[in-house]
Amino acid sequence: MDYQKIDSFISTETWHSRHPTDIARFFKILHGMVKEPNFNADQMREHMAQQVCF
């Protein structure tokens, strides 16, 4: 699974602000990802943590 699709969301400065626009963008990306047969929420969380934590 290519979890890099979420990187465009994380790279936005306001991704963590819970702004309605950011939330909508997150769910749009997530919706496309969960349709993939090999989607794994734990792996996505780990990918996101690696991108955010240096």
C-alpha atoms as a PDB file:
ATOM      1  CA  MET A   1       0.000   0.000   0.000  1.00  0.00           C
ATOM      2  CA  ASP A   2       1.278   3.456  -0.880  1.00  0.00           C
ATOM      3  CA  TYR A   3       0.738   5.518   2.253  1.00  0.00           C
ATOM      4  CA  GLN A   4       2.565   8.451   0.665  1.00  0.00           C
ATOM      5  CA  LYS A   5      -0.826   9.642  -0.542  1.00  0.00           C
ATOM      6  CA  ILE A   6      -1.343  11.094   2.940  1.00  0.00           C
ATOM      7  CA  ASP A   7       1.926  13.060   2.779  1.00  0.00           C
ATOM      8  CA  SER A   8       0.341  15.960   0.896  1.00  0.00           C
ATOM      9  CA  PHE A   9      -2.060  16.361   3.808  1.00  0.00           C
ATOM     10  CA  ILE A  10       0.683  16.174   6.464  1.00  0.00           C
ATOM     11  CA  SER A  11       2.879  18.652   4.613  1.00  0.00           C
ATOM     12  CA  THR A  12       0.241  21.371   5.015  1.00  0.00           C
ATOM     13  CA  GLU A  13       1.071  23.610   7.977  1.00  0.00           C
ATOM     14  CA  THR A  14      -2.487  23.539   9.305  1.00  0.00           C
ATOM     15  CA  TRP A  15      -3.083  19.772   9.047  1.00  0.00           C
ATOM     16  CA  HIS A  16      -3.373  19.418  12.828  1.00  0.00           C
ATOM     17  CA  SER A  17      -5.640  22.442  13.366  1.00  0.00           C
ATOM     18  CA  ARG A  18      -8.943  20.579  12.944  1.00  0.00           C
ATOM     19  CA  HIS A  19     -10.066  23.285  10.554  1.00  0.00           C
ATOM     20  CA  PRO A  20     -13.098  22.098   8.545  1.00  0.00           C
ATOM     21  CA  THR A  21     -11.153  22.390   5.282  1.00  0.00           C
ATOM     22  CA  ASP A  22      -8.303  20.277   6.646  1.00  0.00           C
ATOM     23  CA  ILE A  23     -10.687  17.673   8.022  1.00  0.00           C
ATOM     24  CA  ALA A  24     -12.462  17.466   4.656  1.00  0.00           C
ATOM     25  CA  ARG A  25      -9.141  17.024   2.830  1.00  0.00           C
ATOM     26  CA  PHE A  26      -8.085  14.283   5.264  1.00  0.00           C
ATOM     27  CA  PHE A  27     -11.300  12.321   4.816  1.00  0.00           C
ATOM     28  CA  LYS A  28     -11.162  12.695   1.035  1.00  0.00           C
ATOM     29  CA  ILE A  29      -7.660  11.201   1.009  1.00  0.00           C
ATOM     30  CA  LEU A  30      -8.604   8.542   3.566  1.00  0.00           C
ATOM     31  CA  HIS A  31     -11.721   7.548   1.636  1.00  0.00           C
ATOM     32  CA  GLY A  32      -9.616   6.782  -1.423  1.00  0.00           C
ATOM     33  CA  MET A  33      -7.102   4.800   0.610  1.00  0.00           C
ATOM     34  CA  VAL A  34      -9.504   2.565   2.557  1.00  0.00           C
ATOM     35  CA  LYS A  35     -10.941   1.261  -0.701  1.00  0.00           C
ATOM     36  CA  GLU A  36      -7.595  -0.396  -1.433  1.00  0.00           C
ATOM     37  CA  PRO A  37      -7.674  -4.113  -0.532  1.00  0.00           C
ATOM     38  CA  ASN A  38      -4.322  -3.966   1.264  1.00  0.00           C
ATOM     39  CA  PHE A  39      -5.108  -0.868   3.375  1.00  0.00           C
ATOM     40  CA  ASN A  40      -3.979  -1.224   6.983  1.00  0.00           C
ATOM     41  CA  ALA A  41      -4.817   1.527   9.480  1.00  0.00           C
ATOM     42  CA  ASP A  42      -1.883   0.627  11.742  1.00  0.00           C
ATOM     43  CA  GLN A  43       0.559   0.897   8.861  1.00  0.00           C
ATOM     44  CA  MET A  44      -0.914   4.242   7.841  1.00  0.00           C
ATOM     45  CA  ARG A  45      -0.584   5.511  11.428  1.00  0.00           C
ATOM     46  CA  GLU A  46       3.026   4.386  11.511  1.00  0.00           C
ATOM     47  CA  HIS A  47       3.734   6.092   8.183  1.00  0.00           C
ATOM     48  CA  MET A  48       2.171   9.321   9.445  1.00  0.00           C
ATOM     49  CA  ALA A  49       4.160   9.156  12.691  1.00  0.00           C
ATOM     50  CA  GLN A  50       7.389   8.738  10.759  1.00  0.00           C
ATOM     51  CA  GLN A  51       6.570  11.787   8.627  1.00  0.00           C
ATOM     52  CA  VAL A  52       5.649  14.002  11.579  1.00  0.00           C
ATOM     53  CA  CYS A  53       8.253  12.882  14.146  1.00  0.00           C
ATOM     54  CA  PHE A  54      11.760  13.658  13.039  1.00  0.00           C
END
